């Protein structure tokens, strides 16, 4: 991934007064479609998660003001409890950091007068999320939230999309669906609009994920060339896609190009036409997600800007076929040039 936004959370509680010391001076920024009680806020240009739920494997720091003997580190055990000096076993399973601070303060209330407790993360358990739809590598992903610098972070939606190989050229960022199990057989469904993040850098739309979340990126019905260009430049788009150029070019084979690269640029990246090429048209073969194959004959004009008729933008896996001048079929080495892709196309009769 390009970069990880580091996120820290420190929750402090005075027992009885309910005064929260850890997050002061900043108002939470709500996510309108996420929760009527916002769980994410922007503080000092970082994303903070106030809804993270503690569970087995989390290691936390507990600081009790004026009582260093009871302060220290604690591991959330398999049954969801932490073992504390003198106070004994305290359950923090399924609690936020603020709620855990309150439970620990209550446990120490018989021994300390108005204990002020701060709970902060040291090492968080790996997060398992599922990503499907318009991403390049849909599937299940597990990520440790501890960095090489031993810092703790929270997994965001855009980072999950990067893990899944980035979005495709057809991704609909305005209606991304997030599902979170509620433990009662039902899921909380959240519709997220990431286009605002691309358009204006709205960090509050970059949803913070928890273990068990699943993400679905639907297919966009139509994108303008301007939108497609901005989409390809997003941090959660892949850096490159792979297209194949076969036939009468100087350097046939697979080439890596930027997302939404137009046909003319891919042709030039393959060295351009060789002297045997038919220079008036190129065939564009596209293997569609539903298993079908489409084939178009594109008139070539290297002076054309991006347009669907004569210089369309390419998608991952597209094949460009440059025929030999005066000959209706390719040479027999097409399969060798394209490898498995060429074999598949030959079986489908694309070249004949």
Protein backbone atom coordinates (compact mmCIF):
# COMPACT_ATOMS: atom_id res chain seq x y z
CA UNK A 1 0.00 0.00 0.00
CA UNK A 2 1.15 3.50 -0.69
CA UNK A 3 0.87 4.84 2.83
CA UNK A 4 -0.98 4.05 5.99
CA UNK A 5 -2.77 6.72 7.99
CA UNK A 6 -1.64 6.19 11.57
CA UNK A 7 -4.42 6.49 14.09
CA UNK A 8 -4.24 6.71 17.83
CA UNK A 9 -6.90 6.73 20.47
CA UNK A 10 -6.63 7.67 24.12
CA UNK A 11 -9.71 7.59 26.30
CA UNK A 12 -9.73 8.93 29.84
CA UNK A 13 -12.58 8.86 32.30
CA UNK A 14 -13.21 10.33 35.74
CA UNK A 15 -15.49 7.91 37.57
CA UNK A 16 -18.63 9.71 38.68
CA UNK A 17 -18.03 12.95 36.78
CA UNK A 18 -18.13 11.38 33.31
CA UNK A 19 -15.49 13.84 32.11
CA UNK A 20 -13.72 12.62 29.01
CA UNK A 21 -10.14 13.82 29.08
CA UNK A 22 -8.62 12.11 26.07
CA UNK A 23 -10.56 13.75 23.23
CA UNK A 24 -11.07 17.44 23.97
CA UNK A 25 -11.39 20.63 22.02
CA UNK A 26 -12.62 19.06 18.76
CA UNK A 27 -16.12 18.22 17.62
CA UNK A 28 -16.78 14.87 15.98
CA UNK A 29 -17.56 14.92 12.27
CA UNK A 30 -20.53 12.67 11.58
CA UNK A 31 -20.78 10.22 8.72
CA UNK A 32 -24.42 10.84 7.72
CA UNK A 33 -25.12 7.40 6.31
CA UNK A 34 -22.98 5.49 8.76
CA UNK A 35 -24.41 6.00 12.22
CA UNK A 36 -26.52 8.65 13.97
CA UNK A 37 -23.86 8.60 16.69
CA UNK A 38 -20.66 9.29 14.76
CA UNK A 39 -17.81 6.90 15.42
CA UNK A 40 -15.18 8.65 13.34
CA UNK A 41 -13.77 12.13 13.68
CA UNK A 42 -10.93 14.19 12.26
CA UNK A 43 -8.41 15.44 14.80
CA UNK A 44 -5.13 17.09 13.78
CA UNK A 45 -5.56 15.72 10.22
CA UNK A 46 -5.74 12.10 11.39
CA UNK A 47 -8.63 9.66 11.40
CA UNK A 48 -9.65 8.55 14.88
CA UNK A 49 -11.91 5.59 15.60
CA UNK A 50 -14.07 5.83 18.68
CA UNK A 51 -16.08 2.70 17.85
CA UNK A 52 -13.31 0.06 17.76
CA UNK A 53 -14.46 -2.88 19.87
CA UNK A 54 -11.88 -4.67 21.97
CA UNK A 55 -11.49 -8.41 21.68
CA UNK A 56 -9.09 -11.30 22.33
CA UNK A 57 -5.58 -10.57 21.14
CA UNK A 58 -5.68 -6.81 21.69
CA UNK A 59 -2.91 -5.44 23.91
CA UNK A 60 -3.75 -2.19 25.65
CA UNK A 61 -2.03 0.34 27.87
CA UNK A 62 -3.79 1.24 31.13
CA UNK A 63 -2.75 4.39 32.94
CA UNK A 64 -4.33 5.30 36.28
CA UNK A 65 -3.49 8.85 37.29
CA UNK A 66 -1.58 8.94 40.57
CA UNK A 67 -1.50 5.14 40.87
CA UNK A 68 1.49 3.93 38.87
CA UNK A 69 1.53 0.65 40.77
CA UNK A 70 -1.73 -0.32 39.06
CA UNK A 71 -0.83 1.08 35.64
CA UNK A 72 0.76 -0.94 32.82
CA UNK A 73 0.03 -3.18 29.86
CA UNK A 74 -2.71 -5.77 29.62
CA UNK A 75 -3.64 -8.44 27.07
CA UNK A 76 -7.28 -9.16 26.30
CA UNK A 77 -7.51 -12.92 26.88
CA UNK A 78 -9.52 -15.46 24.92
CA UNK A 79 -12.54 -14.95 27.20
CA UNK A 80 -12.44 -11.18 26.71
CA UNK A 81 -11.06 -10.23 30.13
CA UNK A 82 -7.92 -8.46 31.31
CA UNK A 83 -6.12 -9.39 34.52
CA UNK A 84 -5.45 -6.29 36.61
CA UNK A 85 -3.34 -5.86 39.76
CA UNK A 86 -5.56 -6.06 42.85
CA UNK A 87 -8.79 -5.46 40.87
CA UNK A 88 -8.52 -8.91 39.28
CA UNK A 89 -10.37 -9.97 36.15
CA UNK A 90 -12.32 -7.27 34.28
CA UNK A 91 -14.27 -8.01 31.11
CA UNK A 92 -13.66 -5.60 28.21
CA UNK A 93 -15.00 -7.85 25.42
CA UNK A 94 -16.88 -5.82 22.82
CA UNK A 95 -16.17 -2.49 24.55
CA UNK A 96 -14.82 0.70 23.05
CA UNK A 97 -11.70 2.18 24.64
CA UNK A 98 -13.88 4.68 26.49
CA UNK A 99 -16.15 1.94 27.82
CA UNK A 100 -13.15 -0.14 28.85
CA UNK A 101 -11.75 2.85 30.74
CA UNK A 102 -15.06 3.12 32.58
CA UNK A 103 -15.15 -0.60 33.44
CA UNK A 104 -11.58 -0.50 34.77
CA UNK A 105 -12.30 2.67 36.76
CA UNK A 106 -15.30 0.95 38.33
CA UNK A 107 -13.15 -2.05 39.25
CA UNK A 108 -10.69 0.21 41.09
CA UNK A 109 -13.35 2.36 42.76
CA UNK A 110 -13.23 0.33 46.03
CA UNK A 111 -9.47 0.97 46.30
CA UNK A 112 -8.97 4.44 44.82
CA UNK A 113 -10.87 7.70 45.25
CA UNK A 114 -12.31 8.81 41.89
CA UNK A 115 -9.78 6.90 39.76
CA UNK A 116 -8.90 8.57 36.43
CA UNK A 117 -8.21 5.83 33.88
CA UNK A 118 -6.72 6.18 30.41
CA UNK A 119 -6.87 3.26 27.94
CA UNK A 120 -4.92 3.34 24.68
CA UNK A 121 -3.96 0.67 22.10
CA UNK A 122 -0.54 -0.96 22.01
CA UNK A 123 -1.09 -3.85 19.58
CA UNK A 124 -4.42 -4.62 17.94
CA UNK A 125 -5.47 -8.04 16.72
CA UNK A 126 -5.42 -8.68 12.96
CA UNK A 127 -8.46 -7.48 11.05
CA UNK A 128 -10.20 -9.87 8.63
CA UNK A 129 -12.36 -8.25 5.94
CA UNK A 130 -13.95 -9.39 2.69
CA UNK A 131 -13.85 -7.30 -0.49
CA UNK A 132 -15.92 -8.03 -3.60
CA UNK A 133 -17.22 -6.34 -6.73
CA UNK A 134 -15.23 -3.96 -8.91
CA UNK A 135 -11.78 -4.64 -7.46
CA UNK A 136 -8.89 -6.42 -9.16
CA UNK A 137 -8.40 -9.16 -6.54
CA UNK A 138 -11.68 -9.84 -4.70
CA UNK A 139 -11.42 -12.07 -1.66
CA UNK A 140 -10.77 -12.22 2.07
CA UNK A 141 -7.88 -10.27 3.56
CA UNK A 142 -6.22 -10.32 6.96
CA UNK A 143 -4.07 -7.40 8.06
CA UNK A 144 -2.04 -6.78 11.17
CA UNK A 145 -2.65 -3.27 12.46
CA UNK A 146 0.86 -2.86 13.85
CA UNK A 147 3.38 -1.13 11.60
CA UNK A 148 7.11 -1.65 11.23
CA UNK A 149 7.54 1.34 13.54
CA UNK A 150 5.43 -0.44 16.19
CA UNK A 151 2.70 2.14 15.72
CA UNK A 152 -0.96 1.19 15.92
CA UNK A 153 -3.37 2.03 13.13
CA UNK A 154 -6.94 1.31 12.12
CA UNK A 155 -7.79 -0.24 8.75
CA UNK A 156 -9.70 2.15 6.50
CA UNK A 157 -11.94 1.44 3.53
CA UNK A 158 -9.46 2.84 1.01
CA UNK A 159 -6.68 0.66 2.45
CA UNK A 160 -8.90 -2.42 2.11
CA UNK A 161 -9.48 -1.52 -1.54
CA UNK A 162 -5.71 -1.28 -2.03
CA UNK A 163 -5.28 -4.72 -0.46
CA UNK A 164 -7.74 -6.06 -3.01
CA UNK A 165 -5.59 -4.80 -5.89
CA UNK A 166 -7.33 -1.46 -6.24
CA UNK A 167 -10.61 -0.59 -7.93
CA UNK A 168 -11.33 -1.37 -11.57
CA UNK A 169 -12.12 1.18 -14.26
CA UNK A 170 -15.84 0.49 -13.78
CA UNK A 171 -16.06 1.04 -10.03
CA UNK A 172 -18.98 3.04 -8.67
CA UNK A 173 -17.50 4.98 -5.77
CA UNK A 174 -20.75 6.71 -4.90
CA UNK A 175 -22.54 3.59 -3.62
CA UNK A 176 -19.99 1.32 -1.94
CA UNK A 177 -21.71 -1.07 0.45
CA UNK A 178 -20.26 -2.02 3.82
CA UNK A 179 -21.79 -4.77 5.95
CA UNK A 180 -20.98 -5.30 9.61
CA UNK A 181 -22.35 -8.30 11.55
CA UNK A 182 -24.32 -7.27 14.63
CA UNK A 183 -24.20 -10.60 16.44
CA UNK A 184 -27.97 -11.09 16.24
CA UNK A 185 -28.07 -12.66 12.79
CA UNK A 186 -28.43 -9.27 11.14
CA UNK A 187 -25.95 -6.97 9.42
CA UNK A 188 -25.68 -3.23 9.66
CA UNK A 189 -25.52 -1.99 6.06
CA UNK A 190 -23.72 1.28 5.35
CA UNK A 191 -23.66 3.06 1.99
CA UNK A 192 -20.41 4.98 1.57
CA UNK A 193 -19.72 7.71 -0.98
CA UNK A 194 -15.97 7.70 -1.66
CA UNK A 195 -16.30 10.05 -4.60
CA UNK A 196 -16.34 12.97 -2.15
CA UNK A 197 -12.92 11.79 -0.96
CA UNK A 198 -11.62 11.82 -4.54
CA UNK A 199 -13.38 15.09 -5.32
CA UNK A 200 -12.61 17.14 -2.22
CA UNK A 201 -10.44 15.04 0.10
CA UNK A 202 -13.26 14.41 2.60
CA UNK A 203 -11.46 12.06 5.02
CA UNK A 204 -14.58 11.47 7.09
CA UNK A 205 -15.92 9.36 4.21
CA UNK A 206 -13.00 6.93 4.52
CA UNK A 207 -14.81 4.44 6.73
CA UNK A 208 -12.79 2.69 9.45
CA UNK A 209 -13.27 -1.07 9.28
CA UNK A 210 -13.45 -3.78 11.92
CA UNK A 211 -12.95 -7.51 11.79
CA UNK A 212 -15.81 -9.27 10.01
CA UNK A 213 -16.75 -6.31 7.79
CA UNK A 214 -17.46 -7.01 4.14
CA UNK A 215 -17.17 -4.48 1.32
CA UNK A 216 -18.93 -4.53 -2.06
CA UNK A 217 -18.01 -2.10 -4.87
CA UNK A 218 -20.79 -1.97 -7.50
CA UNK A 219 -20.41 -1.31 -11.22
CA UNK A 220 -20.80 2.24 -12.51
CA UNK A 221 -23.38 2.63 -15.25
CA UNK A 222 -21.53 5.47 -16.98
CA UNK A 223 -18.41 7.52 -16.32
CA UNK A 224 -17.36 10.64 -18.16
CA UNK A 225 -13.76 10.73 -19.45
CA UNK A 226 -12.99 13.34 -16.80
CA UNK A 227 -14.37 11.12 -14.03
CA UNK A 228 -12.46 8.11 -15.34
CA UNK A 229 -9.22 10.09 -15.32
CA UNK A 230 -9.75 11.27 -11.75
CA UNK A 231 -10.70 7.76 -10.70
CA UNK A 232 -7.48 6.32 -12.11
CA UNK A 233 -5.43 8.85 -10.13
CA UNK A 234 -6.98 7.91 -6.77
CA UNK A 235 -4.65 6.37 -4.19
CA UNK A 236 -6.76 3.20 -4.09
CA UNK A 237 -6.59 2.66 -7.84
CA UNK A 238 -3.88 0.28 -9.08
CA UNK A 239 -0.67 1.88 -10.28
CA UNK A 240 -0.77 -0.09 -13.53
CA UNK A 241 -2.96 -2.45 -15.53
CA UNK A 242 -1.79 -5.08 -18.01
CA UNK A 243 -2.81 -5.09 -21.66
CA UNK A 244 -1.58 -7.22 -24.54
CA UNK A 245 -0.47 -6.03 -27.96
CA UNK A 246 -0.09 -8.69 -30.66
CA UNK A 247 0.78 -8.73 -34.30
CA UNK A 248 2.68 -6.19 -36.35
CA UNK A 249 4.23 -3.91 -33.72
CA UNK A 250 7.86 -3.47 -32.77
CA UNK A 251 7.56 -5.01 -29.28
CA UNK A 252 4.53 -7.33 -29.07
CA UNK A 253 3.49 -8.89 -25.79
CA UNK A 254 2.16 -7.86 -22.39
CA UNK A 255 2.75 -4.25 -21.36
CA UNK A 256 2.00 -2.41 -18.13
CA UNK A 257 0.25 0.93 -18.52
CA UNK A 258 -1.55 3.35 -16.23
CA UNK A 259 -5.28 2.78 -15.68
CA UNK A 260 -7.49 4.37 -18.35
CA UNK A 261 -4.59 4.63 -20.80
CA UNK A 262 -6.01 5.34 -24.28
CA UNK A 263 -5.44 2.88 -27.13
CA UNK A 264 -3.03 5.18 -28.99
CA UNK A 265 -0.68 5.39 -26.01
CA UNK A 266 -0.67 1.61 -25.54
CA UNK A 267 0.17 1.19 -29.22
CA UNK A 268 3.13 3.55 -28.86
CA UNK A 269 4.22 1.79 -25.65
CA UNK A 270 4.53 -1.40 -27.73
CA UNK A 271 6.90 0.40 -30.10
CA UNK A 272 4.29 1.44 -32.64
CA UNK A 273 3.56 -0.17 -36.01
CA UNK A 274 6.31 -2.11 -37.74
CA UNK A 275 6.75 -1.86 -41.51
CA UNK A 276 4.44 -4.81 -42.24
CA UNK A 277 1.48 -3.43 -40.27
CA UNK A 278 -1.90 -2.40 -41.59
CA UNK A 279 -2.07 1.09 -40.15
CA UNK A 280 -5.70 1.97 -40.72
CA UNK A 281 -7.40 -0.14 -38.02
CA UNK A 282 -6.71 -2.13 -34.84
CA UNK A 283 -8.91 -4.81 -33.34
CA UNK A 284 -9.70 -4.44 -29.65
CA UNK A 285 -10.60 -7.71 -27.91
CA UNK A 286 -12.03 -7.50 -24.40
CA UNK A 287 -12.61 -10.44 -22.06
CA UNK A 288 -15.70 -9.37 -20.13
CA UNK A 289 -16.28 -10.19 -16.43
CA UNK A 290 -19.28 -12.40 -17.35
CA UNK A 291 -17.04 -14.66 -19.46
CA UNK A 292 -18.06 -13.29 -22.84
CA UNK A 293 -15.63 -11.84 -25.38
CA UNK A 294 -16.25 -8.65 -27.31
CA UNK A 295 -14.33 -7.55 -30.40
CA UNK A 296 -14.27 -4.11 -32.02
CA UNK A 297 -12.47 -2.73 -35.04
CA UNK A 298 -11.05 0.69 -34.16
CA UNK A 299 -10.03 3.19 -36.87
CA UNK A 300 -6.60 4.57 -36.00
CA UNK A 301 -5.80 8.26 -35.90
CA UNK A 302 -2.83 9.08 -33.69
CA UNK A 303 -3.88 12.73 -33.62
CA UNK A 304 -7.16 11.90 -31.85
CA UNK A 305 -7.69 12.63 -28.19
CA UNK A 306 -9.51 10.22 -25.88
CA UNK A 307 -12.86 9.17 -27.35
CA UNK A 308 -14.73 5.90 -27.47
CA UNK A 309 -14.92 5.72 -31.26
CA UNK A 310 -11.26 6.02 -32.31
CA UNK A 311 -9.15 6.20 -29.15
CA UNK A 312 -10.96 4.44 -26.27
CA UNK A 313 -9.48 3.96 -22.84
CA UNK A 314 -8.30 0.43 -22.10
CA UNK A 315 -9.18 -1.97 -19.31
CA UNK A 316 -7.07 -4.56 -17.56
CA UNK A 317 -6.63 -7.62 -19.79
CA UNK A 318 -7.55 -5.91 -23.07
CA UNK A 319 -5.89 -7.28 -26.23
CA UNK A 320 -4.91 -5.13 -29.22
CA UNK A 321 -4.50 -7.00 -32.53
CA UNK A 322 -2.50 -5.30 -35.29
CA UNK A 323 -2.94 -7.11 -38.59
CA UNK A 324 -0.42 -7.46 -41.38
CA UNK A 325 -0.92 -5.21 -44.32
CA UNK A 326 -2.72 -6.96 -47.20
CA UNK A 327 -3.22 -10.22 -45.24
CA UNK A 328 -6.48 -11.06 -43.50
CA UNK A 329 -5.07 -13.29 -40.77
CA UNK A 330 -2.25 -13.27 -38.29
CA UNK A 331 0.88 -15.33 -38.46
CA UNK A 332 1.02 -18.61 -36.57
CA UNK A 333 3.10 -17.16 -33.74
CA UNK A 334 0.22 -15.18 -32.24
CA UNK A 335 -0.29 -17.75 -29.48
CA UNK A 336 3.38 -17.56 -28.60
CA UNK A 337 3.20 -13.77 -28.43
CA UNK A 338 0.21 -13.70 -26.14
CA UNK A 339 0.84 -16.90 -24.21
CA UNK A 340 -2.32 -18.27 -22.54
CA UNK A 341 -4.39 -15.28 -23.69
CA UNK A 342 -3.55 -16.07 -27.31
CA UNK A 343 -4.51 -19.71 -26.87
CA UNK A 344 -7.88 -18.76 -25.43
CA UNK A 345 -8.60 -16.32 -28.25
CA UNK A 346 -7.63 -18.87 -30.88
CA UNK A 347 -10.00 -21.40 -29.34
CA UNK A 348 -12.76 -18.81 -29.47
CA UNK A 349 -12.05 -18.19 -33.14
CA UNK A 350 -11.15 -14.56 -32.61
CA UNK A 351 -8.42 -14.59 -35.26
CA UNK A 352 -10.38 -16.25 -38.05
